[in-house]
Amino acid sequence: MHVPDDNVPSRRPVLQRILIRSWEYRHLRFWAGFRIVGGIVLAFCGIATLSVNAYGWAALFLVPAALNLAFACWEITIARSASA
Protein backbone atom coordinates (compact mmCIF):
# COMPACT_ATOMS: atom_id res chain seq x y z
CA MET A 1 0.00 0.00 0.00
CA HIS A 2 1.43 3.37 -1.05
CA VAL A 3 0.95 6.32 1.29
CA PRO A 4 1.12 9.68 -0.52
CA ASP A 5 3.83 12.04 0.62
CA ASP A 6 2.27 15.40 1.51
CA ASN A 7 5.65 17.14 1.39
CA VAL A 8 5.81 16.79 -2.38
CA PRO A 9 5.02 20.31 -3.71
CA SER A 10 2.69 19.03 -6.44
CA ARG A 11 0.45 17.31 -3.86
CA ARG A 12 -0.08 20.30 -1.62
CA PRO A 13 -3.33 22.24 -1.85
CA VAL A 14 -3.38 24.81 -4.62
CA LEU A 15 -3.64 27.74 -2.21
CA GLN A 16 -0.44 26.69 -0.44
CA ARG A 17 1.39 26.23 -3.73
CA ILE A 18 0.39 29.70 -4.91
CA LEU A 19 0.84 31.74 -1.73
CA ILE A 20 3.68 30.08 0.12
CA ARG A 21 6.88 28.54 -1.19
CA SER A 22 8.31 25.58 0.67
CA TRP A 23 11.35 27.53 1.92
CA GLU A 24 9.09 30.08 3.61
CA TYR A 25 7.46 27.65 6.05
CA ARG A 26 10.11 28.20 8.70
CA HIS A 27 9.43 31.94 8.62
CA LEU A 28 5.68 31.55 9.07
CA ARG A 29 5.96 30.94 12.78
CA PHE A 30 7.98 34.13 13.21
CA TRP A 31 5.44 36.21 11.29
CA ALA A 32 2.56 34.53 13.10
CA GLY A 33 4.14 35.54 16.41
CA PHE A 34 4.61 39.06 15.10
CA ARG A 35 0.92 39.16 14.13
CA ILE A 36 -0.15 37.86 17.54
CA VAL A 37 1.81 40.58 19.34
CA GLY A 38 0.38 43.20 16.98
CA GLY A 39 -3.13 41.88 17.56
CA ILE A 40 -2.69 42.03 21.32
CA VAL A 41 -1.40 45.61 21.14
CA LEU A 42 -4.30 46.67 18.90
CA ALA A 43 -6.80 44.92 21.18
CA PHE A 44 -5.34 46.73 24.20
CA CYS A 45 -5.68 50.07 22.39
CA GLY A 46 -9.28 49.22 21.47
CA ILE A 47 -10.17 48.28 25.03
CA ALA A 48 -8.52 51.46 26.33
CA THR A 49 -10.54 53.46 23.81
CA LEU A 50 -13.76 51.74 24.92
CA SER A 51 -13.10 52.93 28.45
CA VAL A 52 -13.64 56.53 27.30
CA ASN A 53 -16.82 55.60 25.35
CA ALA A 54 -15.37 56.27 21.89
CA TYR A 55 -16.98 53.30 20.13
CA GLY A 56 -16.12 54.36 16.58
CA TRP A 57 -12.44 54.66 17.40
CA ALA A 58 -12.49 51.37 19.29
CA ALA A 59 -13.73 49.58 16.16
CA LEU A 60 -10.73 50.95 14.26
CA PHE A 61 -8.49 49.08 16.71
CA LEU A 62 -10.52 45.94 17.41
CA VAL A 63 -11.30 44.91 13.81
CA PRO A 64 -7.63 44.83 12.71
CA ALA A 65 -6.76 43.07 15.98
CA ALA A 66 -9.24 40.30 15.21
CA LEU A 67 -7.96 40.02 11.63
CA ASN A 68 -4.34 39.83 12.84
CA LEU A 69 -5.18 37.02 15.23
CA ALA A 70 -7.19 35.14 12.59
CA PHE A 71 -4.35 35.34 10.04
CA ALA A 72 -1.86 34.25 12.71
CA CYS A 73 -3.95 31.13 13.39
CA TRP A 74 -4.08 30.41 9.65
CA GLU A 75 -0.30 30.80 9.29
CA ILE A 76 0.37 28.53 12.27
CA THR A 77 -1.96 25.90 10.80
CA ILE A 78 -0.15 25.98 7.47
CA ALA A 79 3.27 25.83 9.13
CA ARG A 80 2.23 22.83 11.25
CA SER A 81 0.74 20.96 8.30
CA ALA A 82 3.90 21.55 6.27
CA SER A 83 6.23 20.34 9.01
CA ALA A 84 4.18 17.24 9.80
PDB file of N, CA and C in Angstrom:
ATOM      1  N   MET A   1       0.843  -1.173   0.000  1.00  0.00           N
ATOM      2  CA  MET A   1       0.000   0.000   0.000  1.00  0.00           C
ATOM      3  C   MET A   1       0.893   1.242   0.000  1.00  0.00           C
ATOM      4  N   HIS A   2       0.625   2.157  -0.908  1.00  0.00           N
ATOM      5  CA  HIS A   2       1.428   3.373  -1.050  1.00  0.00           C
ATOM      6  C   HIS A   2       0.742   4.524  -0.333  1.00  0.00           C
ATOM      7  N   VAL A   3       1.470   5.153   0.576  1.00  0.00           N
ATOM      8  CA  VAL A   3       0.955   6.315   1.289  1.00  0.00           C
ATOM      9  C   VAL A   3       1.503   7.554   0.601  1.00  0.00           C
ATOM     10  N   PRO A   4       0.619   8.485   0.174  1.00  0.00           N
ATOM     11  CA  PRO A   4       1.116   9.679  -0.521  1.00  0.00           C
ATOM     12  C   PRO A   4       1.933  10.564   0.412  1.00  0.00           C
ATOM     13  N   ASP A   5       2.962  11.136  -0.132  1.00  0.00           N
ATOM     14  CA  ASP A   5       3.827  12.037   0.618  1.00  0.00           C
ATOM     15  C   ASP A   5       3.309  13.462   0.457  1.00  0.00           C
ATOM     16  N   ASP A   6       2.840  14.056   1.561  1.00  0.00           N
ATOM     17  CA  ASP A   6       2.272  15.400   1.506  1.00  0.00           C
ATOM     18  C   ASP A   6       3.328  16.480   1.349  1.00  0.00           C
ATOM     19  N   ASN A   7       4.599  16.134   1.531  1.00  0.00           N
ATOM     20  CA  ASN A   7       5.647  17.138   1.394  1.00  0.00           C
ATOM     21  C   ASN A   7       6.071  17.361  -0.047  1.00  0.00           C
ATOM     22  N   VAL A   8       5.531  16.578  -0.966  1.00  0.00           N
ATOM     23  CA  VAL A   8       5.813  16.792  -2.380  1.00  0.00           C
ATOM     24  C   VAL A   8       5.037  18.027  -2.817  1.00  0.00           C
ATOM     25  N   PRO A   9       5.705  19.052  -3.388  1.00  0.00           N
ATOM     26  CA  PRO A   9       5.016  20.308  -3.708  1.00  0.00           C
ATOM     27  C   PRO A   9       3.805  20.134  -4.616  1.00  0.00           C
ATOM     28  N   SER A  10       3.825  19.172  -5.524  1.00  0.00           N
ATOM     29  CA  SER A  10       2.695  19.034  -6.445  1.00  0.00           C
ATOM     30  C   SER A  10       1.457  18.464  -5.765  1.00  0.00           C
ATOM     31  N   ARG A  11       1.600  17.900  -4.548  1.00  0.00           N
ATOM     32  CA  ARG A  11       0.452  17.307  -3.858  1.00  0.00           C
ATOM     33  C   ARG A  11      -0.105  18.201  -2.765  1.00  0.00           C
ATOM     34  N   ARG A  12       0.456  19.354  -2.588  1.00  0.00           N
ATOM     35  CA  ARG A  12      -0.077  20.297  -1.619  1.00  0.00           C
ATOM     36  C   ARG A  12      -1.316  20.959  -2.206  1.00  0.00           C
ATOM     37  N   PRO A  13      -2.179  21.493  -1.335  1.00  0.00           N
ATOM     38  CA  PRO A  13      -3.333  22.237  -1.845  1.00  0.00           C
ATOM     39  C   PRO A  13      -2.884  23.415  -2.711  1.00  0.00           C
ATOM     40  N   VAL A  14      -3.724  23.768  -3.646  1.00  0.00           N
ATOM     41  CA  VAL A  14      -3.384  24.811  -4.619  1.00  0.00           C
ATOM     42  C   VAL A  14      -3.077  26.137  -3.924  1.00  0.00           C
ATOM     43  N   LEU A  15      -3.844  26.468  -2.904  1.00  0.00           N
ATOM     44  CA  LEU A  15      -3.637  27.738  -2.206  1.00  0.00           C
ATOM     45  C   LEU A  15      -2.246  27.803  -1.583  1.00  0.00           C
ATOM     46  N   GLN A  16      -1.783  26.692  -1.003  1.00  0.00           N
ATOM     47  CA  GLN A  16      -0.441  26.687  -0.436  1.00  0.00           C
ATOM     48  C   GLN A  16       0.623  26.794  -1.517  1.00  0.00           C
ATOM     49  N   ARG A  17       0.396  26.153  -2.664  1.00  0.00           N
ATOM     50  CA  ARG A  17       1.392  26.229  -3.734  1.00  0.00           C
ATOM     51  C   ARG A  17       1.490  27.628  -4.304  1.00  0.00           C
ATOM     52  N   ILE A  18       0.386  28.352  -4.335  1.00  0.00           N
ATOM     53  CA  ILE A  18       0.388  29.696  -4.910  1.00  0.00           C
ATOM     54  C   ILE A  18       0.961  30.716  -3.931  1.00  0.00           C
ATOM     55  N   LEU A  19       0.508  30.681  -2.674  1.00  0.00           N
ATOM     56  CA  LEU A  19       0.843  31.744  -1.728  1.00  0.00           C
ATOM     57  C   LEU A  19       2.165  31.547  -1.002  1.00  0.00           C
ATOM     58  N   ILE A  20       2.532  30.311  -0.746  1.00  0.00           N
ATOM     59  CA  ILE A  20       3.676  30.084   0.120  1.00  0.00           C
ATOM     60  C   ILE A  20       4.621  29.090  -0.526  1.00  0.00           C
ATOM     61  N   ARG A  21       5.859  29.459  -0.679  1.00  0.00           N
ATOM     62  CA  ARG A  21       6.877  28.544  -1.192  1.00  0.00           C
ATOM     63  C   ARG A  21       7.384  27.685  -0.044  1.00  0.00           C
ATOM     64  N   SER A  22       7.908  26.527  -0.376  1.00  0.00           N
ATOM     65  CA  SER A  22       8.308  25.580   0.667  1.00  0.00           C
ATOM     66  C   SER A  22       9.387  26.141   1.587  1.00  0.00           C
ATOM     67  N   TRP A  23      10.281  26.993   1.078  1.00  0.00           N
ATOM     68  CA  TRP A  23      11.351  27.527   1.916  1.00  0.00           C
ATOM     69  C   TRP A  23      10.849  28.575   2.892  1.00  0.00           C
ATOM     70  N   GLU A  24       9.623  29.046   2.724  1.00  0.00           N
ATOM     71  CA  GLU A  24       9.092  30.079   3.605  1.00  0.00           C
ATOM     72  C   GLU A  24       8.379  29.518   4.830  1.00  0.00           C
ATOM     73  N   TYR A  25       8.199  28.207   4.918  1.00  0.00           N
ATOM     74  CA  TYR A  25       7.463  27.654   6.048  1.00  0.00           C
ATOM     75  C   TYR A  25       8.126  27.966   7.383  1.00  0.00           C
ATOM     76  N   ARG A  26       9.441  27.950   7.414  1.00  0.00           N
ATOM     77  CA  ARG A  26      10.112  28.196   8.697  1.00  0.00           C
ATOM     78  C   ARG A  26       9.931  29.634   9.156  1.00  0.00           C
ATOM     79  N   HIS A  27       9.636  30.544   8.256  1.00  0.00           N
ATOM     80  CA  HIS A  27       9.429  31.943   8.620  1.00  0.00           C
ATOM     81  C   HIS A  27       7.992  32.224   9.045  1.00  0.00           C
ATOM     82  N   LEU A  28       7.082  31.304   8.735  1.00  0.00           N
ATOM     83  CA  LEU A  28       5.685  31.553   9.069  1.00  0.00           C
ATOM     84  C   LEU A  28       5.464  31.677  10.569  1.00  0.00           C
ATOM     85  N   ARG A  29       6.154  30.864  11.337  1.00  0.00           N
ATOM     86  CA  ARG A  29       5.956  30.941  12.783  1.00  0.00           C
ATOM     87  C   ARG A  29       6.431  32.281  13.335  1.00  0.00           C
ATOM     88  N   PHE A  30       7.508  32.820  12.780  1.00  0.00           N
ATOM     89  CA  PHE A  30       7.980  34.135  13.206  1.00  0.00           C
ATOM     90  C   PHE A  30       6.928  35.196  12.902  1.00  0.00           C
ATOM     91  N   TRP A  31       6.419  35.198  11.664  1.00  0.00           N
ATOM     92  CA  TRP A  31       5.438  36.214  11.288  1.00  0.00           C
ATOM     93  C   TRP A  31       4.124  36.014  12.023  1.00  0.00           C
ATOM     94  N   ALA A  32       3.776  34.769  12.321  1.00  0.00           N
ATOM     95  CA  ALA A  32       2.560  34.535  13.102  1.00  0.00           C
ATOM     96  C   ALA A  32       2.719  35.115  14.502  1.00  0.00           C
ATOM     97  N   GLY A  33       3.889  34.938  15.100  1.00  0.00           N
ATOM     98  CA  GLY A  33       4.143  35.540  16.412  1.00  0.00           C
ATOM     99  C   GLY A  33       4.108  37.050  16.364  1.00  0.00           C
ATOM    100  N   PHE A  34       4.641  37.612  15.289  1.00  0.00           N
ATOM    101  CA  PHE A  34       4.608  39.057  15.098  1.00  0.00           C
ATOM    102  C   PHE A  34       3.161  39.542  14.990  1.00  0.00           C
ATOM    103  N   ARG A  35       2.330  38.792  14.253  1.00  0.00           N
ATOM    104  CA  ARG A  35       0.919  39.164  14.128  1.00  0.00           C
ATOM    105  C   ARG A  35       0.186  39.054  15.463  1.00  0.00           C
ATOM    106  N   ILE A  36       0.514  38.023  16.250  1.00  0.00           N
ATOM    107  CA  ILE A  36      -0.153  37.856  17.536  1.00  0.00           C
ATOM    108  C   ILE A  36       0.166  39.028  18.455  1.00  0.00           C
ATOM    109  N   VAL A  37       1.430  39.425  18.504  1.00  0.00           N
ATOM    110  CA  VAL A  37       1.810  40.579  19.337  1.00  0.00           C
ATOM    111  C   VAL A  37       1.116  41.837  18.849  1.00  0.00           C
ATOM    112  N   GLY A  38       1.074  42.043  17.533  1.00  0.00           N
ATOM    113  CA  GLY A  38       0.379  43.205  16.985  1.00  0.00           C
ATOM    114  C   GLY A  38      -1.106  43.190  17.304  1.00  0.00           C
ATOM    115  N   GLY A  39      -1.713  41.999  17.227  1.00  0.00           N
ATOM    116  CA  GLY A  39      -3.134  41.881  17.558  1.00  0.00           C
ATOM    117  C   GLY A  39      -3.407  42.188  19.010  1.00  0.00           C
ATOM    118  N   ILE A  40      -2.512  41.753  19.897  1.00  0.00           N
ATOM    119  CA  ILE A  40      -2.692  42.031  21.319  1.00  0.00           C
ATOM    120  C   ILE A  40      -2.551  43.526  21.597  1.00  0.00           C
ATOM    121  N   VAL A  41      -1.588  44.166  20.951  1.00  0.00           N
ATOM    122  CA  VAL A  41      -1.404  45.612  21.141  1.00  0.00           C
ATOM    123  C   VAL A  41      -2.623  46.379  20.627  1.00  0.00           C
ATOM    124  N   LEU A  42      -3.119  45.995  19.444  1.00  0.00           N
ATOM    125  CA  LEU A  42      -4.301  46.670  18.904  1.00  0.00           C
ATOM    126  C   LEU A  42      -5.528  46.429  19.781  1.00  0.00           C
ATOM    127  N   ALA A  43      -5.667  45.213  20.302  1.00  0.00           N
ATOM    128  CA  ALA A  43      -6.803  44.922  21.177  1.00  0.00           C
ATOM    129  C   ALA A  43      -6.716  45.756  22.459  1.00  0.00           C
ATOM    130  N   PHE A  44      -5.519  45.900  23.008  1.00  0.00           N
ATOM    131  CA  PHE A  44      -5.345  46.731  24.203  1.00  0.00           C
ATOM    132  C   PHE A  44      -5.733  48.179  23.913  1.00  0.00           C
ATOM    133  N   CYS A  45      -5.315  48.697  22.756  1.00  0.00           N
ATOM    134  CA  CYS A  45      -5.680  50.073  22.388  1.00  0.00           C
ATOM    135  C   CYS A  45      -7.190  50.206  22.218  1.00  0.00           C
ATOM    136  N   GLY A  46      -7.823  49.185  21.632  1.00  0.00           N
ATOM    137  CA  GLY A  46      -9.277  49.217  21.465  1.00  0.00           C
ATOM    138  C   GLY A  46     -10.002  49.183  22.792  1.00  0.00           C
ATOM    139  N   ILE A  47      -9.535  48.359  23.714  1.00  0.00           N
ATOM    140  CA  ILE A  47     -10.168  48.282  25.032  1.00  0.00           C
ATOM    141  C   ILE A  47      -9.961  49.583  25.794  1.00  0.00           C
ATOM    142  N   ALA A  48      -8.776  50.173  25.678  1.00  0.00           N
ATOM    143  CA  ALA A  48      -8.522  51.459  26.335  1.00  0.00           C
ATOM    144  C   ALA A  48      -9.420  52.547  25.742  1.00  0.00           C
ATOM    145  N   THR A  49      -9.673  52.473  24.451  1.00  0.00           N
ATOM    146  CA  THR A  49     -10.542  53.462  23.811  1.00  0.00           C
ATOM    147  C   THR A  49     -11.995  53.257  24.227  1.00  0.00           C
ATOM    148  N   LEU A  50     -12.401  51.998  24.441  1.00  0.00           N
ATOM    149  CA  LEU A  50     -13.757  51.740  24.917  1.00  0.00           C
ATOM    150  C   LEU A  50     -13.996  52.322  26.310  1.00  0.00           C
ATOM    151  N   SER A  51     -12.932  52.415  27.092  1.00  0.00           N
ATOM    152  CA  SER A  51     -13.096  52.935  28.451  1.00  0.00           C
ATOM    153  C   SER A  51     -13.476  54.412  28.471  1.00  0.00           C
ATOM    154  N   VAL A  52     -13.234  55.117  27.375  1.00  0.00           N
ATOM    155  CA  VAL A  52     -13.641  56.526  27.299  1.00  0.00           C
ATOM    156  C   VAL A  52     -14.859  56.706  26.405  1.00  0.00           C
ATOM    157  N   ASN A  53     -15.570  55.602  26.115  1.00  0.00           N
ATOM    158  CA  ASN A  53     -16.821  55.597  25.350  1.00  0.00           C
ATOM    159  C   ASN A  53     -16.682  56.138  23.931  1.00  0.00           C
ATOM    160  N   ALA A  54     -15.560  55.891  23.295  1.00  0.00           N
ATOM    161  CA  ALA A  54     -15.369  56.269  21.894  1.00  0.00           C
ATOM    162  C   ALA A  54     -15.494  55.002  21.051  1.00  0.00           C
ATOM    163  N   TYR A  55     -16.727  54.603  20.772  1.00  0.00           N
ATOM    164  CA  TYR A  55     -16.978  53.304  20.134  1.00  0.00           C
ATOM    165  C   TYR A  55     -16.497  53.251  18.694  1.00  0.00           C
ATOM    166  N   GLY A  56     -16.594  54.340  17.962  1.00  0.00           N
ATOM    167  CA  GLY A  56     -16.122  54.357  16.577  1.00  0.00           C
ATOM    168  C   GLY A  56     -14.611  54.154  16.493  1.00  0.00           C
ATOM    169  N   TRP A  57     -13.900  54.809  17.382  1.00  0.00           N
ATOM    170  CA  TRP A  57     -12.442  54.661  17.400  1.00  0.00           C
ATOM    171  C   TRP A  57     -12.033  53.276  17.877  1.00  0.00           C
ATOM    172  N   ALA A  58     -12.804  52.707  18.784  1.00  0.00           N
ATOM    173  CA  ALA A  58     -12.490  51.369  19.286  1.00  0.00           C
ATOM    174  C   ALA A  58     -12.605  50.339  18.171  1.00  0.00           C
ATOM    175  N   ALA A  59     -13.572  50.519  17.279  1.00  0.00           N
ATOM    176  CA  ALA A  59     -13.733  49.585  16.156  1.00  0.00           C
ATOM    177  C   ALA A  59     -12.525  49.645  15.224  1.00  0.00           C
ATOM    178  N   LEU A  60     -11.923  50.829  15.104  1.00  0.00           N
ATOM    179  CA  LEU A  60     -10.734  50.949  14.262  1.00  0.00           C
ATOM    180  C   LEU A  60      -9.551  50.165  14.815  1.00  0.00           C
ATOM    181  N   PHE A  61      -9.552  49.887  16.106  1.00  0.00           N
ATOM    182  CA  PHE A  61      -8.490  49.079  16.706  1.00  0.00           C
ATOM    183  C   PHE A  61      -8.873  47.602  16.795  1.00  0.00           C
ATOM    184  N   LEU A  62     -10.127  47.317  17.134  1.00  0.00           N
ATOM    185  CA  LEU A  62     -10.520  45.937  17.410  1.00  0.00           C
ATOM    186  C   LEU A  62     -10.687  45.093  16.149  1.00  0.00           C
ATOM    187  N   VAL A  63     -11.146  45.683  15.057  1.00  0.00           N
ATOM    188  CA  VAL A  63     -11.300  44.914  13.808  1.00  0.00           C
ATOM    189  C   VAL A  63      -9.943  44.453  13.274  1.00  0.00           C
ATOM    190  N   PRO A  64      -8.940  45.325  13.142  1.00  0.00           N
ATOM    191  CA  PRO A  64      -7.626  44.825  12.711  1.00  0.00           C
ATOM    192  C   PRO A  64      -7.003  43.843  13.706  1.00  0.00           C
ATOM    193  N   ALA A  65      -7.289  44.013  14.996  1.00  0.00           N
ATOM    194  CA  ALA A  65      -6.763  43.069  15.985  1.00  0.00           C
ATOM    195  C   ALA A  65      -7.330  41.678  15.738  1.00  0.00           C
ATOM    196  N   ALA A  66      -8.618  41.595  15.487  1.00  0.00           N
ATOM    197  CA  ALA A  66      -9.241  40.297  15.215  1.00  0.00           C
ATOM    198  C   ALA A  66      -8.701  39.695  13.922  1.00  0.00           C
ATOM    199  N   LEU A  67      -8.508  40.521  12.898  1.00  0.00           N
ATOM    200  CA  LEU A  67      -7.962  40.023  11.633  1.00  0.00           C
ATOM    201  C   LEU A  67      -6.528  39.537  11.806  1.00  0.00           C
ATOM    202  N   ASN A  68      -5.717  40.269  12.571  1.00  0.00           N
ATOM    203  CA  ASN A  68      -4.344  39.834  12.838  1.00  0.00           C
ATOM    204  C   ASN A  68      -4.322  38.477  13.519  1.00  0.00           C
ATOM    205  N   LEU A  69      -5.161  38.287  14.517  1.00  0.00           N
ATOM    206  CA  LEU A  69      -5.178  37.020  15.234  1.00  0.00           C
ATOM    207  C   LEU A  69      -5.697  35.889  14.346  1.00  0.00           C
ATOM    208  N   ALA A  70      -6.678  36.170  13.489  1.00  0.00           N
ATOM    209  CA  ALA A  70      -7.191  35.143  12.585  1.00  0.00           C
ATOM    210  C   ALA A  70      -6.123  34.714  11.570  1.00  0.00           C
ATOM    211  N   PHE A  71      -5.411  35.674  10.999  1.00  0.00           N
ATOM    212  CA  PHE A  71      -4.354  35.336  10.043  1.00  0.00           C
ATOM    213  C   PHE A  71      -3.198  34.609  10.726  1.00  0.00           C
ATOM    214  N   ALA A  72      -2.909  34.959  11.978  1.00  0.00           N
ATOM    215  CA  ALA A  72      -1.859  34.250  12.710  1.00  0.00           C
ATOM    216  C   ALA A  72      -2.232  32.788  12.911  1.00  0.00           C
ATOM    217  N   CYS A  73      -3.485  32.523  13.244  1.00  0.00           N
ATOM    218  CA  CYS A  73      -3.945  31.131  13.393  1.00  0.00           C
ATOM    219  C   CYS A  73      -3.824  30.388  12.069  1.00  0.00           C
ATOM    220  N   TRP A  74      -4.163  31.040  10.976  1.00  0.00           N
ATOM    221  CA  TRP A  74      -4.077  30.409   9.654  1.00  0.00           C
ATOM    222  C   TRP A  74      -2.621  30.096   9.310  1.00  0.00           C
ATOM    223  N   GLU A  75      -1.722  31.026   9.582  1.00  0.00           N
ATOM    224  CA  GLU A  75      -0.304  30.797   9.289  1.00  0.00           C
ATOM    225  C   GLU A  75       0.276  29.672  10.142  1.00  0.00           C
ATOM    226  N   ILE A  76      -0.119  29.612  11.411  1.00  0.00           N
ATOM    227  CA  ILE A  76       0.369  28.534  12.273  1.00  0.00           C
ATOM    228  C   ILE A  76      -0.152  27.188  11.781  1.00  0.00           C
ATOM    229  N   THR A  77      -1.395  27.147  11.330  1.00  0.00           N
ATOM    230  CA  THR A  77      -1.961  25.899  10.805  1.00  0.00           C
ATOM    231  C   THR A  77      -1.206  25.441   9.575  1.00  0.00           C
ATOM    232  N   ILE A  78      -0.889  26.347   8.670  1.00  0.00           N
ATOM    233  CA  ILE A  78      -0.148  25.975   7.465  1.00  0.00           C
ATOM    234  C   ILE A  78       1.258  25.517   7.814  1.00  0.00           C
ATOM    235  N   ALA A  79       1.904  26.206   8.744  1.00  0.00           N
ATOM    236  CA  ALA A  79       3.265  25.831   9.127  1.00  0.00           C
ATOM    237  C   ALA A  79       3.288  24.448   9.782  1.00  0.00           C
ATOM    238  N   ARG A  80       2.292  24.150  10.601  1.00  0.00           N
ATOM    239  CA  ARG A  80       2.233  22.833  11.254  1.00  0.00           C
ATOM    240  C   ARG A  80       1.943  21.729  10.249  1.00  0.00           C
ATOM    241  N   SER A  81       1.059  21.995   9.291  1.00  0.00           N
ATOM    242  CA  SER A  81       0.739  20.964   8.304  1.00  0.00           C
ATOM    243  C   SER A  81       1.918  20.713   7.367  1.00  0.00           C
ATOM    244  N   ALA A  82       2.738  21.726   7.154  1.00  0.00           N
ATOM    245  CA  ALA A  82       3.903  21.549   6.274  1.00  0.00           C
ATOM    246  C   ALA A  82       5.010  20.789   6.969  1.00  0.00           C
ATOM    247  N   SER A  83       5.142  21.003   8.284  1.00  0.00           N
ATOM    248  CA  SER A  83       6.227  20.342   9.007  1.00  0.00           C
ATOM    249  C   SER A  83       5.875  18.925   9.421  1.00  0.00           C
ATOM    250  N   ALA A  84       4.603  18.581   9.380  1.00  0.00           N
ATOM    251  CA  ALA A  84       4.183  17.237   9.804  1.00  0.00           C
ATOM    252  C   ALA A  84       4.444  16.201   8.727  1.00  0.00           C
TER     253      ALA A  84
END
